[in-house]
Structure formats: C-alpha cells, structure tokens
C-alpha cells in the first residue's frame, strides 16, 4: 500500500491515542475513500509494529509503568484489530468507531531512546 506522509503521520500521532494515528492518515491523504483509509490504518499499524515503533498493551489491560506489553507478532495484533472493527462503520465520523477505538488495547509509542510513551 502506498500512502503519503508516513513520517509526518507518525510524528503527529506520537504519544497520542490510536485515534490520532487513524485521523492523521487523512492529513497528507485527504481524498482517501473510507475503505482505503481503514486499510491504510491497518497497514500502517502492522508496519510500525514490525519496525518496533509501536507496541500494544495486552487486551483488557491498562498501561502503567512496568506493565507488560502484548508479546505476540504483528499479524496477530492486526488480526485482533480487524476482527473487532465494527462492520457497520461507513465513514470516519461514524459513532461506532468511537466505541471501537475506546475499547482497543492501548497503543504504546516507542521513542528514539527506546522509552515507552502512551497517552
């Protein structure tokens, strides 16, 4: 998949909730249709996981200093995120997406120094 401005997207979303990553995709890619936006979101998450730029808390756990991170491969995490995506979502402003993002495991951003940042 090709999306513009990956560095800027990551920079703008760093340390914020996963909704910031989803929303930031559209800044350099404003004409992306909703289905392609969704696919870009999953693609970017997998890319960032594989590159070690993000991690996630295990499902149903909240982040706190010293907390475990979800120790599974990138494809398992992306599969989980896909399985929970609301089938009824038809646009980026659909209210069911708010519930979806709120219920996801917390995203953990890995800084250049290896430190973890979360919102």
Protein backbone atom coordinates (compact mmCIF):
# COMPACT_ATOMS: atom_id res chain seq x y z
CA UNK A 1 0.00 0.00 0.00
CA UNK A 2 1.19 3.50 -0.74
CA UNK A 3 0.18 6.41 1.43
CA UNK A 4 1.80 9.82 1.50
CA UNK A 5 3.48 11.39 4.53
CA UNK A 6 4.15 8.39 6.73
CA UNK A 7 6.87 10.20 8.71
CA UNK A 8 4.56 13.15 9.32
CA UNK A 9 1.66 10.90 10.28
CA UNK A 10 3.79 9.11 12.86
CA UNK A 11 5.30 12.36 14.16
CA UNK A 12 1.87 13.97 14.58
CA UNK A 13 0.33 10.94 16.28
CA UNK A 14 3.30 10.05 18.51
CA UNK A 15 2.30 9.64 22.14
CA UNK A 16 -1.42 10.05 21.46
CA UNK A 17 -4.39 7.68 21.39
CA UNK A 18 -4.78 5.39 18.41
CA UNK A 19 -7.48 7.71 17.04
CA UNK A 20 -4.74 10.26 16.37
CA UNK A 21 -2.99 7.75 14.12
CA UNK A 22 -6.23 6.96 12.29
CA UNK A 23 -7.06 10.65 11.82
CA UNK A 24 -3.51 11.69 10.88
CA UNK A 25 -3.57 9.43 7.83
CA UNK A 26 -6.00 11.80 6.14
CA UNK A 27 -3.88 14.93 6.61
CA UNK A 28 -1.48 14.10 3.74
CA UNK A 29 -4.09 11.83 2.06
CA UNK A 30 -7.32 13.89 2.21
CA UNK A 31 -9.09 12.19 -0.70
CA UNK A 32 -8.67 8.64 0.57
CA UNK A 33 -12.05 6.86 0.47
CA UNK A 34 -13.17 5.39 3.80
CA UNK A 35 -12.38 1.75 2.92
CA UNK A 36 -8.88 2.70 1.77
CA UNK A 37 -8.43 4.83 4.90
CA UNK A 38 -9.30 1.79 7.01
CA UNK A 39 -6.86 -0.41 5.07
CA UNK A 40 -4.12 2.24 5.33
CA UNK A 41 -4.70 2.28 9.10
CA UNK A 42 -4.21 -1.48 9.45
CA UNK A 43 -1.26 -1.46 7.04
CA UNK A 44 0.44 1.35 8.96
CA UNK A 45 -0.09 -0.34 12.31
CA UNK A 46 1.48 -3.53 11.01
CA UNK A 47 4.40 -1.57 9.54
CA UNK A 48 5.00 0.31 12.81
CA UNK A 49 4.77 -2.90 14.83
CA UNK A 50 7.27 -4.68 12.59
CA UNK A 51 9.65 -1.70 12.77
CA UNK A 52 9.38 -1.57 16.58
CA UNK A 53 7.91 1.94 16.63
CA UNK A 54 4.75 0.91 18.49
CA UNK A 55 3.55 -1.84 20.79
CA UNK A 56 0.21 -2.50 22.46
CA UNK A 57 -0.91 -3.40 25.94
CA UNK A 58 -2.49 -6.83 26.11
CA UNK A 59 -6.27 -6.76 25.58
CA UNK A 60 -8.22 -5.72 28.68
CA UNK A 61 -5.19 -4.25 30.44
CA UNK A 62 -4.42 -0.60 31.09
CA UNK A 63 -0.94 0.85 30.65
CA UNK A 64 1.05 1.72 33.71
CA UNK A 65 4.78 1.96 34.18
CA UNK A 66 6.23 -1.54 34.26
CA UNK A 67 3.13 -3.09 32.72
CA UNK A 68 3.50 -5.94 30.29
CA UNK A 69 3.26 -5.28 26.60
CA UNK A 70 1.33 -7.59 24.29
CA UNK A 71 4.02 -10.08 23.35
CA UNK A 72 2.65 -11.53 20.11
CA UNK A 73 3.60 -11.00 16.47
CA UNK A 74 2.37 -8.05 14.40
CA UNK A 75 -0.05 -10.10 12.33
CA UNK A 76 -1.80 -11.40 15.46
CA UNK A 77 -2.34 -7.85 16.72
CA UNK A 78 -3.57 -6.60 13.35
CA UNK A 79 -5.91 -9.61 13.09
CA UNK A 80 -7.32 -8.76 16.51
CA UNK A 81 -7.84 -5.13 15.49
CA UNK A 82 -9.52 -6.21 12.24
CA UNK A 83 -11.79 -8.73 13.98
CA UNK A 84 -13.07 -6.02 16.29
CA UNK A 85 -13.58 -3.40 13.57
CA UNK A 86 -17.31 -2.51 13.51
CA UNK A 87 -18.84 -3.84 10.29
CA UNK A 88 -21.47 -1.12 10.42
CA UNK A 89 -18.90 1.72 10.20
CA UNK A 90 -19.45 3.62 6.96
CA UNK A 91 -17.42 6.81 7.49
CA UNK A 92 -14.61 8.19 9.64
CA UNK A 93 -17.21 10.08 11.68
CA UNK A 94 -19.35 7.05 12.46
CA UNK A 95 -20.06 6.90 16.20
CA UNK A 96 -19.38 3.15 16.33
CA UNK A 97 -15.73 3.97 15.61
CA UNK A 98 -15.54 5.91 18.86
CA UNK A 99 -16.60 2.78 20.73
CA UNK A 100 -14.14 0.70 18.70
CA UNK A 101 -11.13 2.91 19.38
CA UNK A 102 -12.05 3.29 23.06
CA UNK A 103 -12.24 -0.50 23.51
CA UNK A 104 -8.92 -1.28 21.79
CA UNK A 105 -5.80 -2.16 23.74
CA UNK A 106 -3.70 0.93 24.47
CA UNK A 107 -1.11 1.85 21.86
CA UNK A 108 2.41 2.34 23.21
CA UNK A 109 4.80 4.53 21.24
CA UNK A 110 8.49 3.66 21.29
CA UNK A 111 10.75 6.72 21.30
CA UNK A 112 14.16 7.01 19.69
CA UNK A 113 15.69 6.28 23.11
CA UNK A 114 13.62 3.08 23.46
CA UNK A 115 11.36 4.61 26.10
CA UNK A 116 7.63 3.98 26.01
CA UNK A 117 5.18 6.84 25.67
CA UNK A 118 1.43 6.43 25.97
CA UNK A 119 -1.46 8.82 26.32
